């Protein structure tokens, strides 16, 4: 049932699901909100996104007040 519901019928779908779940777990372990974590990964430059993954401090970046 899990394979059908979570979109993991193909090898590609399974790989994508695994990566996303891993990133959610990284955010949780860092004590961050997942949506803020993903926003940083998708909007920052490469060096800053790698810093977010490595739990290094991020450079100050203005954010919308209601998101993060």
N, C-alpha and C. Protein backbone atom coordinates (compact mmCIF):
# COMPACT_ATOMS: atom_id res chain seq x y z
N UNK A 1 0.83 -1.20 0.00
CA UNK A 1 0.00 0.00 0.00
C UNK A 1 0.88 1.26 0.00
N UNK A 2 1.96 1.25 0.76
CA UNK A 2 2.83 2.42 0.84
C UNK A 2 3.40 2.77 -0.54
N UNK A 3 3.75 1.76 -1.33
CA UNK A 3 4.32 2.02 -2.65
C UNK A 3 3.32 2.74 -3.54
N UNK A 4 2.07 2.41 -3.43
CA UNK A 4 1.05 3.03 -4.28
C UNK A 4 0.76 4.46 -3.81
N UNK A 5 0.59 4.65 -2.52
CA UNK A 5 0.20 5.95 -1.99
C UNK A 5 1.32 6.98 -2.09
N UNK A 6 2.54 6.62 -1.80
CA UNK A 6 3.62 7.59 -1.75
C UNK A 6 4.35 7.73 -3.09
N UNK A 7 3.83 7.19 -4.15
CA UNK A 7 4.39 7.41 -5.47
C UNK A 7 5.69 6.69 -5.73
N UNK A 8 5.90 5.55 -5.11
CA UNK A 8 7.17 4.86 -5.27
C UNK A 8 7.02 3.57 -6.07
N UNK A 9 6.23 3.60 -7.11
CA UNK A 9 6.05 2.42 -7.95
C UNK A 9 7.28 2.16 -8.82
N UNK A 10 8.01 3.21 -9.15
CA UNK A 10 9.19 3.04 -10.00
C UNK A 10 10.46 3.24 -9.18
N UNK A 11 11.57 2.83 -9.74
CA UNK A 11 12.86 3.02 -9.06
C UNK A 11 13.16 4.51 -8.89
N UNK A 12 12.79 5.31 -9.90
CA UNK A 12 12.99 6.76 -9.81
C UNK A 12 12.15 7.36 -8.68
N UNK A 13 10.91 6.95 -8.59
CA UNK A 13 10.03 7.44 -7.53
C UNK A 13 10.55 7.06 -6.16
N UNK A 14 11.04 5.85 -6.04
CA UNK A 14 11.60 5.39 -4.76
C UNK A 14 12.82 6.21 -4.38
N UNK A 15 13.70 6.48 -5.35
CA UNK A 15 14.91 7.28 -5.09
C UNK A 15 14.52 8.70 -4.67
N UNK A 16 13.59 9.31 -5.38
CA UNK A 16 13.15 10.67 -5.04
C UNK A 16 12.54 10.72 -3.64
N UNK A 17 11.70 9.75 -3.33
CA UNK A 17 11.07 9.70 -2.02
C UNK A 17 12.12 9.55 -0.92
N UNK A 18 13.11 8.73 -1.16
CA UNK A 18 14.17 8.51 -0.17
C UNK A 18 14.96 9.79 0.10
N UNK A 19 15.28 10.53 -0.96
CA UNK A 19 16.05 11.76 -0.80
C UNK A 19 15.23 12.80 -0.04
N UNK A 20 13.97 12.95 -0.39
CA UNK A 20 13.12 13.94 0.29
C UNK A 20 12.95 13.58 1.76
N UNK A 21 12.72 12.30 2.06
CA UNK A 21 12.59 11.89 3.46
C UNK A 21 13.88 12.14 4.23
N UNK A 22 15.01 11.92 3.59
CA UNK A 22 16.29 12.18 4.23
C UNK A 22 16.47 13.66 4.55
N UNK A 23 16.05 14.52 3.63
CA UNK A 23 16.15 15.96 3.87
C UNK A 23 15.20 16.40 4.98
N UNK A 24 14.00 15.84 5.04
CA UNK A 24 13.09 16.14 6.14
C UNK A 24 13.72 15.73 7.48
N UNK A 25 14.36 14.58 7.51
CA UNK A 25 14.99 14.11 8.75
C UNK A 25 16.16 15.02 9.13
N UNK A 26 16.92 15.48 8.15
CA UNK A 26 18.01 16.42 8.43
C UNK A 26 17.46 17.69 9.06
N UNK A 27 16.38 18.23 8.50
CA UNK A 27 15.77 19.44 9.06
C UNK A 27 15.30 19.18 10.49
N UNK A 28 14.68 18.06 10.73
CA UNK A 28 14.18 17.73 12.06
C UNK A 28 15.32 17.64 13.06
N UNK A 29 16.41 16.99 12.68
CA UNK A 29 17.54 16.84 13.59
C UNK A 29 18.23 18.16 13.88
N UNK A 30 18.14 19.09 12.94
CA UNK A 30 18.72 20.41 13.15
C UNK A 30 17.76 21.34 13.90
N UNK A 31 16.57 20.85 14.18
CA UNK A 31 15.60 21.66 14.91
C UNK A 31 15.00 22.77 14.06
N UNK A 32 14.95 22.57 12.75
CA UNK A 32 14.43 23.57 11.84
C UNK A 32 13.08 23.16 11.31
N UNK A 33 12.29 24.16 10.88
CA UNK A 33 11.02 23.87 10.23
C UNK A 33 11.33 23.36 8.82
N UNK A 34 10.74 22.25 8.42
CA UNK A 34 11.05 21.68 7.10
C UNK A 34 10.82 22.66 5.95
N UNK A 35 9.73 23.44 5.99
CA UNK A 35 9.49 24.35 4.87
C UNK A 35 10.57 25.43 4.78
N UNK A 36 11.09 25.88 5.91
CA UNK A 36 12.17 26.86 5.89
C UNK A 36 13.47 26.22 5.38
N UNK A 37 13.71 25.01 5.81
CA UNK A 37 14.89 24.27 5.37
C UNK A 37 14.89 24.08 3.86
N UNK A 38 13.75 23.64 3.31
CA UNK A 38 13.65 23.44 1.87
C UNK A 38 13.71 24.78 1.12
N UNK A 39 13.15 25.83 1.70
CA UNK A 39 13.23 27.14 1.08
C UNK A 39 14.69 27.56 0.95
N UNK A 40 15.48 27.35 2.00
CA UNK A 40 16.90 27.68 1.95
C UNK A 40 17.61 26.85 0.88
N UNK A 41 17.35 25.57 0.84
CA UNK A 41 18.03 24.71 -0.13
C UNK A 41 17.70 25.11 -1.56
N UNK A 42 16.48 25.55 -1.80
CA UNK A 42 16.05 25.85 -3.16
C UNK A 42 16.30 27.29 -3.59
N UNK A 43 16.56 28.20 -2.66
CA UNK A 43 16.69 29.61 -3.03
C UNK A 43 18.09 30.18 -2.81
N UNK A 44 18.88 29.58 -1.96
CA UNK A 44 20.21 30.10 -1.70
C UNK A 44 21.19 29.64 -2.77
N UNK A 45 22.33 30.30 -2.83
CA UNK A 45 23.35 29.85 -3.77
C UNK A 45 23.94 28.52 -3.27
N UNK A 46 24.75 27.89 -4.08
CA UNK A 46 25.25 26.55 -3.78
C UNK A 46 26.01 26.50 -2.46
N UNK A 47 26.90 27.44 -2.24
CA UNK A 47 27.70 27.42 -1.01
C UNK A 47 26.82 27.57 0.23
N UNK A 48 25.83 28.45 0.17
CA UNK A 48 24.94 28.64 1.32
C UNK A 48 24.05 27.42 1.53
N UNK A 49 23.59 26.80 0.46
CA UNK A 49 22.76 25.60 0.60
C UNK A 49 23.57 24.46 1.20
N UNK A 50 24.83 24.32 0.81
CA UNK A 50 25.68 23.29 1.41
C UNK A 50 25.91 23.58 2.88
N UNK A 51 26.03 24.86 3.23
CA UNK A 51 26.19 25.23 4.63
C UNK A 51 24.95 24.86 5.43
N UNK A 52 23.77 25.01 4.82
CA UNK A 52 22.53 24.64 5.50
C UNK A 52 22.51 23.14 5.78
N UNK A 53 22.99 22.34 4.83
CA UNK A 53 23.04 20.90 5.02
C UNK A 53 24.06 20.51 6.09
N UNK A 54 25.15 21.26 6.15
CA UNK A 54 26.22 20.95 7.10
C UNK A 54 26.00 21.58 8.46
N UNK A 55 24.85 22.26 8.61
CA UNK A 55 24.47 22.90 9.87
C UNK A 55 25.37 24.07 10.24
N UNK A 56 26.02 24.65 9.26
CA UNK A 56 26.81 25.85 9.49
C UNK A 56 25.86 27.03 9.51
N UNK A 57 26.30 28.12 10.08
CA UNK A 57 25.42 29.30 10.12
C UNK A 57 25.26 29.87 8.73
N UNK A 58 24.06 30.28 8.43
CA UNK A 58 23.76 30.87 7.13
C UNK A 58 23.93 32.38 7.19
N UNK A 59 24.31 32.95 6.08
CA UNK A 59 24.39 34.40 6.01
C UNK A 59 23.00 34.98 6.18
N UNK A 60 22.93 36.16 6.74
CA UNK A 60 21.63 36.79 6.95
C UNK A 60 20.93 36.97 5.61
N UNK A 61 19.69 36.60 5.59
CA UNK A 61 18.92 36.68 4.36
C UNK A 61 17.51 37.12 4.72
N UNK A 62 17.01 38.17 4.09
CA UNK A 62 15.65 38.59 4.43
C UNK A 62 14.64 37.55 3.99
N UNK A 63 13.68 37.29 4.84
CA UNK A 63 12.63 36.31 4.54
C UNK A 63 11.28 36.93 4.78
N UNK A 64 10.26 36.43 4.12
CA UNK A 64 8.92 36.90 4.43
C UNK A 64 8.60 36.59 5.89
N UNK A 65 7.99 37.50 6.62
CA UNK A 65 7.79 37.33 8.06
C UNK A 65 6.94 36.12 8.44
N UNK A 66 6.00 35.69 7.62
CA UNK A 66 5.12 34.59 8.00
C UNK A 66 5.66 33.21 7.67
N UNK A 67 6.67 33.12 6.82
CA UNK A 67 7.16 31.81 6.41
C UNK A 67 8.12 31.20 7.42
N UNK A 68 9.16 31.92 7.82
CA UNK A 68 10.18 31.30 8.67
C UNK A 68 10.57 32.17 9.82
